[in-house]
Amino acid sequence: MADGELDRMDEGQEKKKPRKNSPWFWIILAAAGVAFWYWTGRPSKLWKVELGGPAICQAAVSYEAVYVCAGSSLRVFDSVTGREMWKFSRSDYPYMVGPPVVIGRNVFVWSSKLHSLGRETGDEMWQELSQEVFCPAGEDIVYGGWHSVIARDAATGRDRWTVSLDKTKTVEGIAVYDNTVLVGYSEDAVPSAAAGRSPGGAGGVEAWDSKAKVRLWTADLGTAIKHSPVKIGEIVFAVDNGLRFRSLIAFDTASQQVSWQAKSGRLILPELANVSTQVTDQAIGTVTQPAAFRTSVIAGFSDEYGDVVKCFDFQTGELTWRYEIDWEICPQKTKDQPKSALTTPVVSGKSVYFGAGPYLVKLNAGTGREKWRFKTESGGFIRHAPAVMNGIVYFGSDKGDFYAVSTGD
């Protein structure tokens, strides 16, 4: 074809102009992106069951099953479908205490005794008189006697070791880190307020070497300890059970000194002059068991002014962030009738989950920014910590509804 003919063809054709998208195209595209981000990061209910009574403690999740204490029964559900697998009940005792502990082929709960049950069938394997304080330690179950801590082989019930506290000390909480056993305790004798102790009683934390069966150190904190101790690095955290205030105490095991403490709450009664004055345990302030996140410790604080989740640098006690619970979350709480609305926080990945009144709340553990909240359908309060496993969070309310909800991750 000649050049002249090619030129004439080009001249006869209309030159194409680039297509311009309507502004609505970009608006719709942006809205779709926001909707995708919003809904993929939101929770969705996977299943719900009715327990027939309030959820008594945190659930346990293991081997595709979720173990829930409700009333005088341990109920076990398929963690994916919510189908009930089996139930263990005690007709001679009003409640079942946990959280349940799963070790190998056994699951442990407490109901006047420590019960070892077959994980798949619920058949009772063995039982032992104990306090309602127990935790796992490798292939062993560790539990509190009144003045001792005992370890048994989870499968056989055979004795592993026992450490004995002073007869004046009662075991309140246990945590095991390798061969170190941390014991939160209270003391029978109530010391004088002038001695600088809480009128809630004396107590502290002891550390034991489980192999050598020797006491490593004792932290006499001057107050009865609530919850099991939590260890981060060389710092051990304990929650006191005092009546003047409740506080999170950081004890440095290297220096054997209290590094810092964060207080919450006041007495309903006037200031006590001495311990001979009648003492009440109706303290407004409460502190939850703490949870570790990297180099931080997170706990919930409640008093007559409200409920706050706080994150501290575990070494210095410097406040990293705080998340205040609004009145929408806790409508039943008033200054005249305070009611703690917070559960122990649970850290999973980069998020922290906790119950706040009728809501399950998810925060960014690093910043404290709220990601979402999920309300129970019954309006029942979530009284115990959630359990998180494989992108699903499990929790129940004091009205008996129990949920499996996706984390939105």
Protein backbone atom coordinates (compact mmCIF):
# COMPACT_ATOMS: atom_id res chain seq x y z
CA MET A 1 0.00 0.00 0.00
CA ALA A 2 1.38 3.45 -0.95
CA ASP A 3 2.15 6.07 1.63
CA GLY A 4 -0.45 8.41 0.17
CA GLU A 5 -3.19 5.83 0.55
CA LEU A 6 -2.24 5.22 4.20
CA ASP A 7 -2.43 8.93 4.91
CA ARG A 8 -5.90 9.16 3.42
CA MET A 9 -7.14 6.25 5.61
CA ASP A 10 -5.83 7.94 8.78
CA GLU A 11 -7.54 11.16 7.85
CA GLY A 12 -10.85 9.35 7.35
CA GLN A 13 -10.81 7.73 10.74
CA GLU A 14 -11.96 9.56 13.85
CA LYS A 15 -9.19 9.88 16.42
CA LYS A 16 -10.10 7.99 19.62
CA LYS A 17 -10.05 9.99 22.86
CA PRO A 18 -9.13 8.40 26.23
CA ARG A 19 -12.22 7.41 28.21
CA LYS A 20 -12.90 9.39 31.37
CA ASN A 21 -14.62 7.64 34.27
CA SER A 22 -17.57 9.36 35.88
CA PRO A 23 -16.98 10.80 39.38
CA TRP A 24 -19.63 8.32 40.55
CA PHE A 25 -17.33 5.47 39.52
CA TRP A 26 -14.66 6.60 41.96
CA ILE A 27 -17.22 7.25 44.71
CA ILE A 28 -18.68 3.76 44.34
CA LEU A 29 -15.22 2.19 44.21
CA ALA A 30 -14.16 3.99 47.40
CA ALA A 31 -17.40 3.02 49.16
CA ALA A 32 -16.89 -0.61 48.17
CA GLY A 33 -13.36 -0.52 49.59
CA VAL A 34 -14.55 0.97 52.87
CA ALA A 35 -17.37 -1.59 53.11
CA PHE A 36 -14.93 -4.44 52.43
CA TRP A 37 -12.56 -3.18 55.12
CA TYR A 38 -15.41 -2.65 57.58
CA TRP A 39 -17.15 -5.99 57.18
CA THR A 40 -14.03 -8.12 56.95
CA GLY A 41 -12.86 -6.59 60.24
CA ARG A 42 -16.19 -7.04 62.02
CA PRO A 43 -17.34 -9.95 64.21
CA SER A 44 -19.99 -12.39 63.07
CA LYS A 45 -21.91 -14.86 65.22
CA LEU A 46 -21.04 -18.43 64.24
CA TRP A 47 -23.30 -20.16 66.74
CA LYS A 48 -25.08 -19.68 70.04
CA VAL A 49 -26.34 -22.14 72.66
CA GLU A 50 -28.43 -21.72 75.80
CA LEU A 51 -26.72 -23.09 78.91
CA GLY A 52 -29.78 -23.08 81.14
CA GLY A 53 -27.90 -21.01 83.71
CA PRO A 54 -25.16 -18.39 83.91
CA ALA A 55 -21.70 -19.08 82.54
CA ILE A 56 -19.64 -19.54 85.71
CA CYS A 57 -16.10 -19.08 84.40
CA GLN A 58 -13.93 -18.69 81.33
CA ALA A 59 -14.37 -21.50 78.81
CA ALA A 60 -11.51 -23.72 77.62
CA VAL A 61 -10.94 -24.60 73.96
CA SER A 62 -8.89 -27.60 72.88
CA TYR A 63 -9.00 -30.42 70.32
CA GLU A 64 -11.97 -28.91 68.43
CA ALA A 65 -14.09 -28.81 71.58
CA VAL A 66 -15.10 -26.00 73.92
CA TYR A 67 -15.59 -26.76 77.63
CA VAL A 68 -18.08 -24.60 79.54
CA CYS A 69 -19.02 -24.60 83.24
CA ALA A 70 -22.70 -23.79 83.79
CA GLY A 71 -24.47 -24.41 87.08
CA SER A 72 -23.51 -27.82 88.42
CA SER A 73 -22.45 -29.14 85.00
CA LEU A 74 -19.51 -29.14 82.65
CA ARG A 75 -20.90 -28.97 79.11
CA VAL A 76 -18.79 -29.74 76.06
CA PHE A 77 -19.60 -28.45 72.56
CA ASP A 78 -18.08 -28.88 69.13
CA SER A 79 -16.06 -25.67 68.74
CA VAL A 80 -17.05 -25.27 65.07
CA THR A 81 -20.74 -26.22 65.02
CA GLY A 82 -21.88 -25.78 68.63
CA ARG A 83 -23.22 -29.34 68.78
CA GLU A 84 -23.20 -30.69 72.35
CA MET A 85 -20.81 -33.63 72.68
CA TRP A 86 -21.22 -34.64 76.34
CA LYS A 87 -22.04 -33.32 79.80
CA PHE A 88 -20.71 -34.05 83.29
CA SER A 89 -22.95 -33.12 86.24
CA ARG A 90 -22.83 -33.19 90.02
CA SER A 91 -26.23 -33.37 91.72
CA ASP A 92 -24.71 -33.07 95.20
CA TYR A 93 -22.90 -29.76 94.63
CA PRO A 94 -24.46 -26.53 93.32
CA TYR A 95 -21.78 -25.37 90.91
CA MET A 96 -18.86 -26.41 88.74
CA VAL A 97 -15.71 -24.28 88.94
CA GLY A 98 -13.08 -23.63 86.30
CA PRO A 99 -11.82 -22.54 83.98
CA PRO A 100 -11.53 -26.14 82.81
CA VAL A 101 -7.99 -27.34 82.09
CA VAL A 102 -7.27 -29.76 79.23
CA ILE A 103 -4.08 -31.84 79.45
CA GLY A 104 -3.63 -34.65 76.94
CA ARG A 105 -6.67 -36.92 77.06
CA ASN A 106 -7.99 -35.45 80.33
CA VAL A 107 -10.00 -32.38 81.29
CA PHE A 108 -10.08 -31.03 84.85
CA VAL A 109 -12.81 -29.12 86.70
CA TRP A 110 -13.58 -28.50 90.36
CA SER A 111 -16.82 -29.23 92.19
CA SER A 112 -16.05 -29.70 95.92
CA LYS A 113 -13.21 -31.90 94.59
CA LEU A 114 -10.82 -31.76 91.66
CA HIS A 115 -12.23 -34.08 88.97
CA SER A 116 -10.20 -35.66 86.17
CA LEU A 117 -12.47 -36.58 83.24
CA GLY A 118 -11.86 -38.30 79.93
CA ARG A 119 -11.63 -35.57 77.30
CA GLU A 120 -13.67 -37.47 74.69
CA THR A 121 -16.30 -39.18 76.87
CA GLY A 122 -16.56 -37.28 80.16
CA ASP A 123 -15.96 -40.47 82.16
CA GLU A 124 -14.40 -39.75 85.55
CA MET A 125 -10.82 -41.01 85.81
CA TRP A 126 -9.91 -39.87 89.31
CA GLN A 127 -10.72 -37.20 91.89
CA GLU A 128 -8.94 -35.44 94.75
CA LEU A 129 -9.89 -33.12 97.60
CA SER A 130 -8.43 -29.69 96.92
CA GLN A 131 -9.03 -25.98 96.86
CA GLU A 132 -10.71 -24.55 93.77
CA VAL A 133 -7.33 -23.35 92.46
CA PHE A 134 -5.59 -25.36 89.74
CA CYS A 135 -3.53 -24.91 86.58
CA PRO A 136 -1.59 -26.95 83.99
CA ALA A 137 2.17 -27.57 84.08
CA GLY A 138 3.29 -29.63 81.10
CA GLU A 139 1.82 -33.12 81.56
CA ASP A 140 0.88 -32.42 85.19
CA ILE A 141 -2.06 -30.80 86.90
CA VAL A 142 -1.05 -28.48 89.75
CA TYR A 143 -3.58 -27.57 92.44
CA GLY A 144 -3.81 -25.96 95.83
CA GLY A 145 -4.25 -27.74 99.10
CA TRP A 146 -5.15 -25.40 101.93
CA HIS A 147 -1.51 -24.82 102.90
CA SER A 148 0.32 -26.58 100.07
CA VAL A 149 0.69 -26.87 96.31
CA ILE A 150 0.50 -30.36 94.81
CA ALA A 151 1.33 -31.71 91.35
CA ARG A 152 -0.05 -34.96 89.94
CA ASP A 153 0.40 -36.76 86.66
CA ALA A 154 -2.65 -35.67 84.67
CA ALA A 155 -3.23 -39.11 83.14
CA THR A 156 -2.71 -41.36 86.16
CA GLY A 157 -3.14 -39.12 89.19
CA ARG A 158 0.26 -40.23 90.48
CA ASP A 159 2.02 -37.80 92.83
CA ARG A 160 4.77 -35.68 91.25
CA TRP A 161 5.72 -33.24 93.96
CA THR A 162 4.37 -31.21 96.88
CA VAL A 163 5.55 -27.93 98.38
CA SER A 164 4.27 -26.89 101.80
CA LEU A 165 3.58 -23.31 102.85
CA ASP A 166 3.46 -22.10 106.43
CA LYS A 167 0.32 -23.26 108.23
CA THR A 168 -0.92 -19.67 108.50
CA LYS A 169 -0.90 -19.25 104.70
CA THR A 170 -3.76 -20.26 102.40
CA VAL A 171 -3.26 -20.76 98.67
CA GLU A 172 -5.28 -18.25 96.61
CA GLY A 173 -3.70 -18.57 93.16
CA ILE A 174 -1.05 -20.61 91.33
CA ALA A 175 1.03 -20.06 88.20
CA VAL A 176 3.85 -22.30 86.92
CA TYR A 177 6.77 -21.05 84.81
CA ASP A 178 9.12 -23.92 83.93
CA ASN A 179 10.24 -25.25 87.33
CA THR A 180 9.20 -22.13 89.23
CA VAL A 181 5.86 -22.20 91.02
CA LEU A 182 4.35 -18.83 91.96
CA VAL A 183 1.81 -18.94 94.77
CA GLY A 184 -0.48 -16.07 95.71
CA TYR A 185 -1.52 -16.47 99.34
CA SER A 186 -3.48 -14.93 102.18
CA GLU A 187 -2.63 -15.23 105.87
CA ASP A 188 -5.06 -16.23 108.58
CA ALA A 189 -4.00 -13.53 111.02
CA VAL A 190 -5.28 -10.01 110.33
CA PRO A 191 -2.54 -7.51 111.22
CA SER A 192 -3.06 -4.03 112.55
CA ALA A 193 -3.69 -1.18 110.16
CA ALA A 194 -0.91 0.72 111.91
CA ALA A 195 1.56 -1.83 110.55
CA GLY A 196 0.92 -0.45 107.08
CA ARG A 197 -1.11 -3.41 105.89
CA SER A 198 -4.50 -3.52 104.23
CA PRO A 199 -7.41 -4.34 106.56
CA GLY A 200 -8.34 -6.97 103.96
CA GLY A 201 -5.74 -9.24 105.57
CA ALA A 202 -2.10 -10.12 105.12
CA GLY A 203 -0.63 -12.00 102.19
CA GLY A 204 1.75 -11.94 99.27
CA VAL A 205 3.49 -14.15 96.71
CA GLU A 206 5.95 -17.00 97.19
CA ALA A 207 8.19 -18.61 94.57
CA TRP A 208 9.17 -22.27 94.83
CA ASP A 209 11.54 -24.52 92.91
CA SER A 210 9.35 -27.53 92.18
CA LYS A 211 12.29 -29.89 91.59
CA ALA A 212 14.32 -29.01 94.67
CA LYS A 213 11.15 -28.28 96.69
CA VAL A 214 12.74 -25.19 98.19
CA ARG A 215 11.35 -21.71 98.63
CA LEU A 216 13.16 -19.22 96.37
CA TRP A 217 11.72 -16.02 97.78
CA THR A 218 8.73 -14.52 99.56
CA ALA A 219 7.13 -11.17 98.73
CA ASP A 220 5.17 -10.10 101.79
CA LEU A 221 2.87 -7.55 100.16
CA GLY A 222 0.80 -6.88 103.27
CA THR A 223 -2.50 -7.80 101.65
CA ALA A 224 -4.40 -10.90 100.59
CA ILE A 225 -3.74 -11.70 96.94
CA LYS A 226 -6.55 -12.16 94.45
CA HIS A 227 -6.06 -14.11 91.19
CA SER A 228 -2.98 -16.06 90.13
CA PRO A 229 0.33 -14.17 89.76
CA VAL A 230 1.55 -13.27 86.25
CA LYS A 231 5.26 -13.13 85.38
CA ILE A 232 6.83 -10.97 82.64
CA GLY A 233 10.62 -11.07 82.58
CA GLU A 234 11.82 -10.49 86.13
CA ILE A 235 8.58 -8.78 87.22
CA VAL A 236 5.78 -10.66 88.96
CA PHE A 237 2.33 -9.04 88.95
CA ALA A 238 -0.26 -9.65 91.65
CA VAL A 239 -3.68 -8.16 92.38
CA ASP A 240 -4.30 -7.33 96.02
CA ASN A 241 -7.62 -8.03 97.69
CA GLY A 242 -7.44 -5.20 100.21
CA LEU A 243 -10.45 -3.21 101.36
CA ARG A 244 -8.96 0.27 101.40
CA PHE A 245 -8.20 -0.11 97.72
CA ARG A 246 -7.51 -2.75 95.13
CA SER A 247 -4.31 -2.46 93.14
CA LEU A 248 -2.06 -4.07 90.57
CA ILE A 249 1.33 -4.65 92.19
CA ALA A 250 4.58 -5.09 90.24
CA PHE A 251 7.23 -6.96 92.24
CA ASP A 252 10.82 -7.03 90.94
CA THR A 253 12.21 -10.50 91.72
CA ALA A 254 15.80 -9.32 91.16
CA SER A 255 15.73 -6.47 93.69
CA GLN A 256 13.02 -8.09 95.87
CA GLN A 257 11.18 -4.77 95.93
CA VAL A 258 7.82 -3.50 94.73
CA SER A 259 8.60 -1.58 91.53
CA TRP A 260 5.26 0.16 91.13
CA GLN A 261 1.55 -0.25 91.70
CA ALA A 262 -1.65 1.08 90.16
CA LYS A 263 -4.56 1.55 92.54
CA SER A 264 -8.31 1.50 92.01
CA GLY A 265 -11.34 1.97 94.22
CA ARG A 266 -12.28 3.16 97.67
CA LEU A 267 -14.14 1.79 100.67
CA ILE A 268 -17.87 2.28 101.01
CA LEU A 269 -17.28 2.56 104.77
CA PRO A 270 -15.36 5.50 106.30
CA GLU A 271 -11.63 5.17 106.85
CA LEU A 272 -10.94 2.45 109.40
CA ALA A 273 -8.99 3.44 112.50
CA ASN A 274 -8.02 -0.11 113.40
CA VAL A 275 -8.85 -3.69 112.50
CA SER A 276 -11.14 -4.10 115.49
CA THR A 277 -13.64 -1.98 113.56
CA GLN A 278 -16.10 -4.10 111.60
CA VAL A 279 -14.69 -4.77 108.13
CA THR A 280 -16.72 -5.23 104.97
CA ASP A 281 -15.58 -6.62 101.65
CA GLN A 282 -17.94 -4.38 99.69
CA ALA A 283 -15.12 -2.41 98.13
CA ILE A 284 -16.10 -0.32 95.15
CA GLY A 285 -12.74 -0.71 93.45
CA THR A 286 -11.69 -3.88 91.67
CA VAL A 287 -8.76 -4.86 89.47
CA THR A 288 -8.82 -7.75 87.02
CA GLN A 289 -6.08 -10.30 86.59
CA PRO A 290 -3.49 -8.76 84.26
CA ALA A 291 -2.53 -9.98 80.79
CA ALA A 292 0.89 -9.69 79.15
CA PHE A 293 1.47 -8.13 75.72
CA ARG A 294 5.09 -7.85 74.57
CA THR A 295 6.69 -5.46 77.10
CA SER A 296 3.35 -4.28 78.47
CA VAL A 297 0.81 -5.42 81.03
CA ILE A 298 -2.93 -4.82 80.56
CA ALA A 299 -5.60 -4.86 83.28
CA GLY A 300 -9.10 -3.58 83.95
CA PHE A 301 -9.79 -1.11 86.77
CA SER A 302 -13.24 -0.35 88.22
CA ASP A 303 -14.36 2.13 90.83
CA GLU A 304 -17.32 4.42 91.52
CA TYR A 305 -16.27 6.68 88.66
CA GLY A 306 -16.32 4.04 85.96
CA ASP A 307 -14.44 1.22 84.30
CA VAL A 308 -11.13 1.62 82.49
CA VAL A 309 -8.76 -0.78 80.76
CA LYS A 310 -5.16 0.38 81.16
CA CYS A 311 -1.91 -0.66 79.53
CA PHE A 312 1.40 -0.06 81.34
CA ASP A 313 5.07 -0.53 80.54
CA PHE A 314 5.75 -3.62 82.64
CA GLN A 315 9.08 -2.34 84.00
CA THR A 316 8.37 1.33 84.72
CA GLY A 317 4.61 1.39 85.21
CA GLU A 318 4.32 4.22 82.68
CA LEU A 319 0.81 4.39 81.23
CA THR A 320 0.89 3.47 77.53
CA TRP A 321 -2.83 3.83 76.81
CA ARG A 322 -6.22 3.73 78.48
CA TYR A 323 -9.65 2.75 77.20
CA GLU A 324 -12.59 4.11 79.18
CA ILE A 325 -15.86 2.18 79.18
CA ASP A 326 -18.74 4.48 78.24
CA TRP A 327 -22.16 4.47 79.91
CA GLU A 328 -23.71 2.97 76.79
CA ILE A 329 -21.73 -0.19 77.45
CA CYS A 330 -22.61 -0.35 81.13
CA PRO A 331 -26.11 1.16 81.51
CA GLN A 332 -26.85 -0.74 84.74
CA LYS A 333 -23.97 0.85 86.62
CA THR A 334 -24.60 3.98 88.69
CA LYS A 335 -22.56 5.80 91.28
CA ASP A 336 -25.07 4.75 93.96
CA GLN A 337 -25.05 1.10 92.91
CA PRO A 338 -21.64 0.44 91.34
CA LYS A 339 -21.17 -2.83 89.55
CA SER A 340 -17.87 -3.90 88.04
CA ALA A 341 -18.41 -4.46 84.33
CA LEU A 342 -14.96 -5.68 83.30
CA THR A 343 -13.58 -9.17 82.86
CA THR A 344 -9.95 -10.17 82.78
CA PRO A 345 -8.52 -9.15 79.39
CA VAL A 346 -7.24 -11.83 77.01
CA VAL A 347 -4.46 -11.10 74.51
CA SER A 348 -4.43 -12.95 71.19
CA GLY A 349 -2.05 -11.85 68.46
CA LYS A 350 -2.08 -8.05 68.32
CA SER A 351 -5.53 -7.72 69.89
CA VAL A 352 -6.99 -7.75 73.38
CA TYR A 353 -10.51 -9.01 74.16
CA PHE A 354 -12.61 -8.51 77.29
CA GLY A 355 -16.18 -8.39 78.51
CA ALA A 356 -17.61 -4.99 79.43
CA GLY A 357 -21.18 -5.23 80.66
CA PRO A 358 -23.24 -6.88 77.90
CA TYR A 359 -20.51 -6.25 75.30
CA LEU A 360 -17.51 -8.19 74.12
CA VAL A 361 -14.91 -5.60 73.15
CA LYS A 362 -11.86 -5.98 70.90
CA LEU A 363 -9.01 -3.45 71.05
CA ASN A 364 -5.70 -3.04 69.31
CA ALA A 365 -3.35 -4.22 72.07
CA GLY A 366 -0.61 -1.80 71.02
CA THR A 367 -2.69 1.39 70.84
CA GLY A 368 -5.91 0.73 72.77
CA ARG A 369 -8.00 1.69 69.74
CA GLU A 370 -11.38 -0.05 69.63
CA LYS A 371 -11.82 -2.43 66.70
CA TRP A 372 -15.35 -3.59 67.43
CA ARG A 373 -17.87 -4.51 70.09
CA PHE A 374 -20.46 -7.31 70.09
CA LYS A 375 -23.55 -7.22 72.30
CA THR A 376 -25.16 -10.30 73.83
CA GLU A 377 -28.64 -10.89 72.45
CA SER A 378 -30.09 -11.32 75.95
CA GLY A 379 -28.44 -8.19 77.30
CA GLY A 380 -26.74 -10.37 79.91
CA PHE A 381 -23.43 -9.24 81.34
CA ILE A 382 -20.24 -11.05 80.36
CA ARG A 383 -18.79 -11.84 83.79
CA HIS A 384 -15.78 -13.95 82.84
CA ALA A 385 -12.89 -13.68 80.40
CA PRO A 386 -13.43 -14.86 76.82
CA ALA A 387 -11.39 -17.66 75.25
CA VAL A 388 -9.81 -17.13 71.81
CA MET A 389 -8.70 -19.88 69.44
CA ASN A 390 -8.24 -20.10 65.65
CA GLY A 391 -9.94 -16.80 64.86
CA ILE A 392 -12.96 -17.51 67.08
CA VAL A 393 -13.77 -16.00 70.47
CA TYR A 394 -15.96 -17.94 72.92
CA PHE A 395 -17.84 -16.33 75.81
CA GLY A 396 -21.04 -16.55 77.84
CA SER A 397 -23.27 -14.22 79.82
CA ASP A 398 -24.90 -14.28 83.24
CA LYS A 399 -28.23 -14.97 81.49
CA GLY A 400 -27.00 -18.26 80.07
CA ASP A 401 -26.39 -17.48 76.40
CA PHE A 402 -23.03 -18.73 75.12
CA TYR A 403 -21.46 -17.60 71.83
CA ALA A 404 -18.86 -18.43 69.25
CA VAL A 405 -18.02 -15.25 67.32
CA SER A 406 -15.43 -14.70 64.60
CA THR A 407 -12.66 -12.28 65.53
CA GLY A 408 -12.92 -10.49 62.17
CA ASP A 409 -9.24 -11.05 61.39
